Amino acid sequence: MVFSVHIFKMDNKAELPPEEIARQSVERFRALASAKYMAGQEEHGGDLVQKVKLEHLEEEIIDLWHYVYALRLRLKDD
C-alpha cells in the first residue's frame, strides 16, 4: 500500500500558513492511521469494538509517553 503526501517545498517549514500545516497534518494522519488499522486487522482480526479494552489503551499511552520522552532526549529539548 503506497500513500502520497504533497509537501510544499519551502526553505523554512515555519513559513507554512496554519491552514496548510493543518491540511498536511490531517492528510498524513489519515494515510498512516488507515494503513495501521488495516494492518492490525490483518494481524489480529476480529471486531475492534468487541475486543478493545481500557487496559490496552493505558498500555498504548504508556508506550507513547516513552516514545515522546526518548525523542525529547534525542533532540535535547528539556
Protein backbone atom coordinates (compact mmCIF):
# COMPACT_ATOMS: atom_id res chain seq x y z
CA MET A 1 0.00 0.00 0.00
CA VAL A 2 1.52 3.34 -1.07
CA PHE A 3 0.39 6.78 0.08
CA SER A 4 1.48 10.08 -1.32
CA VAL A 5 1.58 13.21 0.75
CA HIS A 6 2.01 16.53 -1.02
CA ILE A 7 4.59 18.68 0.73
CA PHE A 8 5.19 22.28 -0.20
CA LYS A 9 8.88 22.89 -0.79
CA MET A 10 9.87 25.86 1.32
CA ASP A 11 13.19 26.88 2.78
CA ASN A 12 11.62 27.28 6.20
CA LYS A 13 8.79 24.95 7.22
CA ALA A 14 7.79 27.52 9.85
CA GLU A 15 6.66 29.73 6.95
CA LEU A 16 3.78 27.39 6.11
CA PRO A 17 0.41 29.02 6.76
CA PRO A 18 -1.60 27.44 9.59
CA GLU A 19 -4.20 26.10 7.14
CA GLU A 20 -1.51 24.24 5.18
CA ILE A 21 0.02 22.79 8.34
CA ALA A 22 -3.44 21.57 9.37
CA ARG A 23 -4.14 20.12 5.91
CA GLN A 24 -0.82 18.26 5.75
CA SER A 25 -1.18 17.02 9.32
CA VAL A 26 -4.68 15.63 8.73
CA GLU A 27 -3.69 14.10 5.36
CA ARG A 28 -0.69 12.35 6.95
CA PHE A 29 -2.78 11.12 9.88
CA ARG A 30 -5.48 9.78 7.57
CA ALA A 31 -2.95 7.85 5.48
CA LEU A 32 -0.98 6.45 8.41
CA ALA A 33 -4.00 5.69 10.60
CA SER A 34 -5.85 3.85 7.85
CA ALA A 35 -2.82 1.73 6.94
CA LYS A 36 -2.07 0.93 10.59
CA TYR A 37 -5.68 -0.03 11.31
CA MET A 38 -5.88 -2.34 8.30
CA ALA A 39 -2.51 -3.93 9.18
CA GLY A 40 -3.83 -4.54 12.70
CA GLN A 41 -6.98 -6.12 11.31
CA GLU A 42 -4.89 -8.40 9.13
CA GLU A 43 -2.61 -9.33 12.03
CA HIS A 44 -5.20 -9.66 14.81
CA GLY A 45 -8.55 -9.84 13.02
CA GLY A 46 -11.86 -9.62 14.80
CA ASP A 47 -14.17 -6.77 15.66
CA LEU A 48 -12.19 -4.00 17.36
CA VAL A 49 -15.32 -2.70 19.10
CA GLN A 50 -15.76 -6.09 20.78
CA LYS A 51 -12.05 -6.62 21.50
CA VAL A 52 -10.98 -3.19 22.79
CA LYS A 53 -10.24 -2.88 26.48
CA LEU A 54 -9.35 0.16 28.56
CA GLU A 55 -6.26 -1.69 29.79
CA HIS A 56 -4.93 -1.81 26.21
CA LEU A 57 -5.37 1.93 25.82
CA GLU A 58 -3.45 2.55 29.04
CA GLU A 59 -0.59 0.39 27.72
CA GLU A 60 -0.54 2.29 24.42
CA ILE A 61 -0.48 5.63 26.25
CA ILE A 62 2.47 4.47 28.34
CA ASP A 63 4.33 3.41 25.17
CA LEU A 64 3.55 6.78 23.59
CA TRP A 65 4.93 8.59 26.65
CA HIS A 66 8.21 6.69 26.40
CA TYR A 67 8.48 7.41 22.66
CA VAL A 68 7.92 11.13 23.24
CA TYR A 69 10.44 11.24 26.09
CA ALA A 70 13.08 9.37 24.05
CA LEU A 71 12.62 11.83 21.19
CA ARG A 72 12.89 14.73 23.65
CA LEU A 73 16.22 13.32 24.84
CA ARG A 74 17.47 12.87 21.29
CA LEU A 75 16.51 16.46 20.42
CA LYS A 76 17.86 17.68 23.75
CA ASP A 77 14.64 19.57 24.45
CA ASP A 78 14.12 19.94 28.18
